[in-house]
Protein backbone atom coordinates (compact mmCIF):
# COMPACT_ATOMS: atom_id res chain seq x y z
CA UNK A 1 0.00 0.00 0.02
CA UNK A 2 1.30 3.49 -0.90
CA UNK A 3 1.90 5.95 1.90
CA UNK A 4 0.25 9.29 1.68
CA UNK A 5 2.56 12.30 2.11
CA UNK A 6 1.39 13.07 5.57
CA UNK A 7 2.20 9.49 6.83
CA UNK A 8 6.03 9.97 6.58
CA UNK A 9 8.10 11.00 9.55
CA UNK A 10 10.36 13.95 9.21
CA UNK A 11 13.35 11.69 9.08
CA UNK A 12 11.81 9.74 6.18
CA UNK A 13 10.92 12.99 4.41
CA UNK A 14 14.50 14.17 4.73
CA UNK A 15 15.90 10.87 3.56
CA UNK A 16 13.59 10.77 0.53
CA UNK A 17 14.37 14.32 -0.43
CA UNK A 18 18.11 13.83 -0.06
CA UNK A 19 17.92 10.57 -2.07
CA UNK A 20 15.85 12.34 -4.85
CA UNK A 21 18.43 15.15 -5.09
CA UNK A 22 21.32 12.64 -5.11
CA UNK A 23 19.82 10.22 -7.59
CA UNK A 24 17.68 12.40 -9.86
CA UNK A 25 18.88 15.97 -9.70
CA UNK A 26 22.59 15.28 -9.45
CA UNK A 27 22.79 11.61 -10.60
CA UNK A 28 20.77 12.16 -13.76
CA UNK A 29 22.25 15.73 -14.09
CA UNK A 30 18.81 17.43 -14.15
CA UNK A 31 20.51 20.45 -12.60
CA UNK A 32 24.15 20.64 -13.78
CA UNK A 33 24.88 23.13 -11.08
CA UNK A 34 23.71 21.18 -8.11
CA UNK A 35 26.60 18.69 -7.52
CA UNK A 36 29.04 21.05 -5.77
CA UNK A 37 26.41 22.27 -3.33
CA UNK A 38 25.33 18.82 -2.54
CA UNK A 39 28.94 17.63 -2.21
CA UNK A 40 29.90 20.54 0.17
CA UNK A 41 26.59 20.22 2.16
CA UNK A 42 25.32 23.67 1.27
CA UNK A 43 21.80 22.56 0.41
CA UNK A 44 19.41 23.26 3.30
CA UNK A 45 16.38 20.90 3.61
CA UNK A 46 13.68 22.61 5.71
CA UNK A 47 10.79 20.39 6.59
CA UNK A 48 7.56 22.44 6.96
CA UNK A 49 5.23 21.45 9.71
CA UNK A 50 2.51 23.73 8.36
CA UNK A 51 -0.95 22.41 8.01
CA UNK A 52 -2.47 25.84 7.15
CA UNK A 53 -1.47 28.27 4.43
CA UNK A 54 -0.68 31.09 6.89
CA UNK A 55 1.69 28.94 8.78
CA UNK A 56 3.46 28.02 5.63
CA UNK A 57 3.78 31.56 4.66
CA UNK A 58 5.44 32.36 8.04
CA UNK A 59 7.85 29.42 7.54
CA UNK A 60 8.70 30.62 3.98
CA UNK A 61 9.41 34.03 5.33
CA UNK A 62 11.60 32.60 8.13
CA UNK A 63 13.56 30.56 5.52
CA UNK A 64 13.94 33.59 3.41
CA UNK A 65 15.32 35.49 6.33
CA UNK A 66 17.64 32.72 7.22
CA UNK A 67 19.17 32.40 3.74
CA UNK A 68 19.66 36.13 3.57
CA UNK A 69 21.53 36.11 6.83
CA UNK A 70 23.69 33.10 6.11
CA UNK A 71 26.69 33.21 3.90
CA UNK A 72 26.38 31.32 0.49
CA UNK A 73 29.31 29.13 1.58
CA UNK A 74 27.04 27.75 4.30
CA UNK A 75 23.58 27.72 2.65
CA UNK A 76 23.63 28.09 -1.07
CA UNK A 77 20.10 27.01 -1.64
CA UNK A 78 17.03 26.03 0.42
CA UNK A 79 14.53 23.42 -0.30
CA UNK A 80 11.37 24.10 1.80
CA UNK A 81 9.55 20.76 1.77
CA UNK A 82 5.78 20.89 2.36
CA UNK A 83 4.55 17.33 3.22
CA UNK A 84 1.38 18.23 5.07
CA UNK A 85 -0.17 20.79 2.72
CA UNK A 86 -0.53 21.56 -0.94
CA UNK A 87 -1.36 18.01 -2.05
CA UNK A 88 -3.41 19.46 -4.91
CA UNK A 89 -1.23 20.93 -7.64
CA UNK A 90 -3.40 23.86 -8.22
CA UNK A 91 -3.17 24.82 -4.49
CA UNK A 92 0.63 24.52 -4.83
CA UNK A 93 0.64 26.83 -7.79
CA UNK A 94 -1.38 29.38 -5.93
CA UNK A 95 1.10 29.27 -2.89
CA UNK A 96 4.02 29.45 -5.29
CA UNK A 97 2.58 32.60 -6.91
CA UNK A 98 1.83 34.14 -3.52
CA UNK A 99 5.38 33.46 -2.34
CA UNK A 100 6.86 34.97 -5.61
CA UNK A 101 4.71 38.08 -4.87
CA UNK A 102 6.17 38.28 -1.45
CA UNK A 103 9.71 38.20 -2.87
CA UNK A 104 8.72 41.12 -5.18
CA UNK A 105 7.07 43.07 -2.41
CA UNK A 106 10.18 42.67 -0.23
CA UNK A 107 12.39 44.05 -2.98
CA UNK A 108 14.06 40.67 -3.39
CA UNK A 109 13.02 40.06 -6.98
CA UNK A 110 16.38 39.60 -8.70
CA UNK A 111 18.10 38.46 -5.46
CA UNK A 112 16.12 35.22 -5.01
CA UNK A 113 13.97 33.20 -7.27
CA UNK A 114 11.73 30.10 -6.64
CA UNK A 115 11.88 26.89 -8.52
CA UNK A 116 9.01 24.62 -8.24
CA UNK A 117 8.63 20.86 -7.48
CA UNK A 118 5.54 18.83 -6.76
CA UNK A 119 4.69 15.12 -6.90
CA UNK A 120 1.89 15.83 -9.41
CA UNK A 121 3.67 18.49 -11.51
CA UNK A 122 2.07 19.18 -14.82
CA UNK A 123 3.23 21.57 -17.48
CA UNK A 124 0.33 23.37 -19.10
CA UNK A 125 -0.69 22.15 -22.48
CA UNK A 126 1.37 18.88 -22.21
CA UNK A 127 -0.30 15.48 -22.09
CA UNK A 128 -0.55 14.13 -18.51
CA UNK A 129 1.40 11.03 -19.23
CA UNK A 130 4.35 12.89 -20.83
CA UNK A 131 7.63 12.19 -18.92
CA UNK A 132 8.49 15.97 -19.32
CA UNK A 133 6.50 16.55 -16.04
CA UNK A 134 9.01 14.42 -14.10
CA UNK A 135 11.72 17.03 -14.54
CA UNK A 136 9.79 19.04 -11.84
CA UNK A 137 8.35 16.07 -9.81
CA UNK A 138 9.62 15.53 -6.29
CA UNK A 139 8.53 13.32 -3.49
CA UNK A 140 6.75 16.28 -1.71
CA UNK A 141 5.56 19.72 -2.63
CA UNK A 142 8.74 21.85 -2.51
CA UNK A 143 9.58 25.62 -2.76
CA UNK A 144 13.17 25.93 -3.82
CA UNK A 145 14.83 29.25 -2.91
CA UNK A 146 17.69 30.06 -5.21
CA UNK A 147 20.25 32.85 -4.94
CA UNK A 148 20.17 34.62 -8.27
CA UNK A 149 23.72 35.89 -7.94
CA UNK A 150 24.98 32.31 -7.63
CA UNK A 151 22.81 31.19 -10.49
CA UNK A 152 24.13 34.07 -12.79
CA UNK A 153 27.75 33.00 -11.96
CA UNK A 154 27.21 29.35 -12.74
CA UNK A 155 25.18 30.09 -15.82
CA UNK A 156 28.09 32.11 -17.24
CA UNK A 157 30.23 28.94 -17.30
CA UNK A 158 27.64 26.72 -18.88
CA UNK A 159 27.98 26.34 -22.76
CA UNK A 160 24.14 26.45 -23.43
CA UNK A 161 21.96 27.06 -20.39
CA UNK A 162 18.89 27.56 -22.58
CA UNK A 163 19.17 23.95 -23.71
CA UNK A 164 19.05 22.44 -20.26
CA UNK A 165 15.18 21.98 -20.09
CA UNK A 166 15.13 20.37 -23.47
CA UNK A 167 18.00 18.18 -22.71
CA UNK A 168 16.26 17.11 -19.45
CA UNK A 169 13.03 16.26 -21.22
CA UNK A 170 14.72 14.22 -23.90
CA UNK A 171 16.74 12.35 -21.24
CA UNK A 172 13.72 11.56 -19.19
CA UNK A 173 11.80 10.34 -22.21
CA UNK A 174 14.73 8.23 -23.25
CA UNK A 175 14.95 6.67 -19.70
CA UNK A 176 11.25 5.84 -19.68
CA UNK A 177 8.82 5.42 -16.82
CA UNK A 178 10.09 1.99 -15.74
CA UNK A 179 13.67 3.02 -15.67
CA UNK A 180 12.83 6.19 -13.68
CA UNK A 181 11.04 4.07 -11.14
CA UNK A 182 14.00 1.69 -11.03
CA UNK A 183 16.37 4.62 -10.34
CA UNK A 184 14.13 6.12 -7.66
CA UNK A 185 11.49 3.59 -6.53
CA UNK A 186 9.39 6.15 -4.56
CA UNK A 187 8.26 7.57 -7.96
CA UNK A 188 5.90 4.56 -8.03
CA UNK A 189 4.24 5.79 -4.91
CA UNK A 190 3.31 9.26 -6.12
CA UNK A 191 3.62 9.44 -9.89
CA UNK A 192 1.12 8.08 -12.26
């Protein structure tokens, strides 16, 4: 029987997220810039206890404050993992948009950006069974805080950053659903 998101302990959530980052994000090179931060333990995994949107907003603001006060050499990026809320993808998208608005209101647009990951991630206008969605699928809804300065620096050294999404989609399609589940078995629990 498949576990629902809220049935995992925080230790299990942390282990699943770290494994997803190691196997999929770094191992399959979905983000060609992640490996150094993972290797040097500069990725912060913050597990949200929020069960109401207002609580999640407070946690998001606290994480934003923490990453601003912490040197990049200690926290390069933060994954705010939301296991108890935002099961529905549309609710997740609404919260993502709200948090992006908060960044803009705080004058941090251009300083931080959000990347989005959700177990049921769907790109608009793409068939639901297309493996391209899996480039943004993670074990739990996640708000990824990225330092824009750091991203700009690493993008300068990449030969073709605009080709990364297309390369990822082609790679995921080539792997196929069965191989993706073989690489990261929890995909079977939350991805159709």
